Amino acid sequence: MSSQTMRQDKDEDIGVEANILEMLERQGAKTLDQLESELTHIGSAQLLFAIDRMSRLRKIAIGPPRKGDYLVWLLQKSPDSTR
């Protein structure tokens, strides 16, 4: 895999994450199904990988299933956070 391809993949990942974060910031918590249906330009696997990555970075949280679907929400940044 060329470094250009790897760089494009990383840029695409950042774009997907930005889309998800923007939606959660604007509209509040969403279920996985809602995110998938509203972000139609993002594939299901890509969406799940991005949500997993951001939850591990503590940018978002995922709650237990409610009526069969997980809830995703934006975590608040602490005032002393440098990220």
C-alpha atoms as a PDB file:
ATOM      1  CA  MET A   1       0.000   0.000   0.000  1.00  0.00           C
ATOM      2  CA  SER A   2       1.465   3.343  -0.970  1.00  0.00           C
ATOM      3  CA  SER A   3       1.875   6.164   1.504  1.00  0.00           C
ATOM      4  CA  GLN A   4      -0.520   8.248  -0.612  1.00  0.00           C
ATOM      5  CA  THR A   5      -3.240   5.590  -0.259  1.00  0.00           C
ATOM      6  CA  MET A   6      -2.617   5.374   3.491  1.00  0.00           C
ATOM      7  CA  ARG A   7      -2.830   9.176   3.762  1.00  0.00           C
ATOM      8  CA  GLN A   8      -6.127   9.199   1.806  1.00  0.00           C
ATOM      9  CA  ASP A   9      -7.539   6.493   4.094  1.00  0.00           C
ATOM     10  CA  LYS A  10      -6.561   8.547   7.168  1.00  0.00           C
ATOM     11  CA  ASP A  11      -8.127  11.697   5.664  1.00  0.00           C
ATOM     12  CA  GLU A  12     -11.311   9.743   4.923  1.00  0.00           C
ATOM     13  CA  ASP A  13     -11.417   8.416   8.511  1.00  0.00           C
ATOM     14  CA  ILE A  14     -11.065  11.965   9.847  1.00  0.00           C
ATOM     15  CA  GLY A  15     -13.872  13.136   7.553  1.00  0.00           C
ATOM     16  CA  VAL A  16     -16.176  10.341   8.719  1.00  0.00           C
ATOM     17  CA  GLU A  17     -15.448  11.151  12.359  1.00  0.00           C
ATOM     18  CA  ALA A  18     -16.058  14.859  11.751  1.00  0.00           C
ATOM     19  CA  ASN A  19     -19.449  14.067  10.173  1.00  0.00           C
ATOM     20  CA  ILE A  20     -20.487  11.959  13.157  1.00  0.00           C
ATOM     21  CA  LEU A  21     -19.265  14.477  15.742  1.00  0.00           C
ATOM     22  CA  GLU A  22     -20.971  17.356  13.935  1.00  0.00           C
ATOM     23  CA  MET A  23     -24.292  15.514  13.820  1.00  0.00           C
ATOM     24  CA  LEU A  24     -24.124  14.577  17.517  1.00  0.00           C
ATOM     25  CA  GLU A  25     -23.178  18.139  18.453  1.00  0.00           C
ATOM     26  CA  ARG A  26     -26.042  19.638  16.431  1.00  0.00           C
ATOM     27  CA  GLN A  27     -28.773  17.112  17.140  1.00  0.00           C
ATOM     28  CA  GLY A  28     -27.815  15.339  20.353  1.00  0.00           C
ATOM     29  CA  ALA A  29     -27.736  11.617  21.059  1.00  0.00           C
ATOM     30  CA  LYS A  30     -28.643   9.235  18.243  1.00  0.00           C
ATOM     31  CA  THR A  31     -29.073   5.502  17.925  1.00  0.00           C
ATOM     32  CA  LEU A  32     -26.790   3.568  15.599  1.00  0.00           C
ATOM     33  CA  ASP A  33     -29.723   3.071  13.229  1.00  0.00           C
ATOM     34  CA  GLN A  34     -30.433   6.808  13.166  1.00  0.00           C
ATOM     35  CA  LEU A  35     -26.793   7.625  12.440  1.00  0.00           C
ATOM     36  CA  GLU A  36     -26.674   5.077   9.654  1.00  0.00           C
ATOM     37  CA  SER A  37     -29.897   6.316   8.069  1.00  0.00           C
ATOM     38  CA  GLU A  38     -28.870   9.982   8.231  1.00  0.00           C
ATOM     39  CA  LEU A  39     -25.229   9.535   7.153  1.00  0.00           C
ATOM     40  CA  THR A  40     -26.036   7.591   3.994  1.00  0.00           C
ATOM     41  CA  HIS A  41     -22.711   8.459   2.364  1.00  0.00           C
ATOM     42  CA  ILE A  42     -20.898   6.464   5.074  1.00  0.00           C
ATOM     43  CA  GLY A  43     -20.948   2.663   4.874  1.00  0.00           C
ATOM     44  CA  SER A  44     -22.104   0.611   7.854  1.00  0.00           C
ATOM     45  CA  ALA A  45     -18.691  -0.888   8.582  1.00  0.00           C
ATOM     46  CA  GLN A  46     -16.963   2.478   8.217  1.00  0.00           C
ATOM     47  CA  LEU A  47     -19.491   4.034  10.607  1.00  0.00           C
ATOM     48  CA  LEU A  48     -18.991   1.296  13.217  1.00  0.00           C
ATOM     49  CA  PHE A  49     -15.195   1.497  12.998  1.00  0.00           C
ATOM     50  CA  ALA A  50     -15.315   5.278  13.443  1.00  0.00           C
ATOM     51  CA  ILE A  51     -17.669   5.010  16.435  1.00  0.00           C
ATOM     52  CA  ASP A  52     -15.434   2.363  18.012  1.00  0.00           C
ATOM     53  CA  ARG A  53     -12.319   4.484  17.437  1.00  0.00           C
ATOM     54  CA  MET A  54     -13.900   7.644  18.860  1.00  0.00           C
ATOM     55  CA  SER A  55     -15.319   5.844  21.893  1.00  0.00           C
ATOM     56  CA  ARG A  56     -11.854   4.497  22.706  1.00  0.00           C
ATOM     57  CA  LEU A  57     -10.535   8.088  22.442  1.00  0.00           C
ATOM     58  CA  ARG A  58     -13.340   9.218  24.792  1.00  0.00           C
ATOM     59  CA  LYS A  59     -14.832  11.607  22.220  1.00  0.00           C
ATOM     60  CA  ILE A  60     -18.183   9.827  22.282  1.00  0.00           C
ATOM     61  CA  ALA A  61     -19.922   7.248  24.433  1.00  0.00           C
ATOM     62  CA  ILE A  62     -22.054   4.262  23.541  1.00  0.00           C
ATOM     63  CA  GLY A  63     -24.845   3.183  25.852  1.00  0.00           C
ATOM     64  CA  PRO A  64     -26.378  -0.234  26.324  1.00  0.00           C
ATOM     65  CA  PRO A  65     -29.066  -1.289  23.889  1.00  0.00           C
ATOM     66  CA  ARG A  66     -32.424   0.372  24.280  1.00  0.00           C
ATOM     67  CA  LYS A  67     -35.199  -1.356  22.438  1.00  0.00           C
ATOM     68  CA  GLY A  68     -32.580  -3.270  20.458  1.00  0.00           C
ATOM     69  CA  ASP A  69     -30.343  -0.372  19.443  1.00  0.00           C
ATOM     70  CA  TYR A  70     -27.305   1.296  21.008  1.00  0.00           C
ATOM     71  CA  LEU A  71     -27.383   4.998  21.862  1.00  0.00           C
ATOM     72  CA  VAL A  72     -24.386   7.160  20.878  1.00  0.00           C
ATOM     73  CA  TRP A  73     -23.698  10.590  22.362  1.00  0.00           C
ATOM     74  CA  LEU A  74     -20.995  13.209  22.468  1.00  0.00           C
ATOM     75  CA  LEU A  75     -18.866  13.415  25.614  1.00  0.00           C
ATOM     76  CA  GLN A  76     -18.171  16.819  27.097  1.00  0.00           C
ATOM     77  CA  LYS A  77     -14.602  18.030  26.956  1.00  0.00           C
ATOM     78  CA  SER A  78     -13.130  18.910  30.315  1.00  0.00           C
ATOM     79  CA  PRO A  79     -12.044  22.566  30.657  1.00  0.00           C
ATOM     80  CA  ASP A  80      -8.417  21.568  31.238  1.00  0.00           C
ATOM     81  CA  SER A  81      -8.373  19.187  28.251  1.00  0.00           C
ATOM     82  CA  THR A  82      -5.753  20.043  25.663  1.00  0.00           C
ATOM     83  CA  ARG A  83      -7.329  17.900  22.928  1.00  0.00           C
END
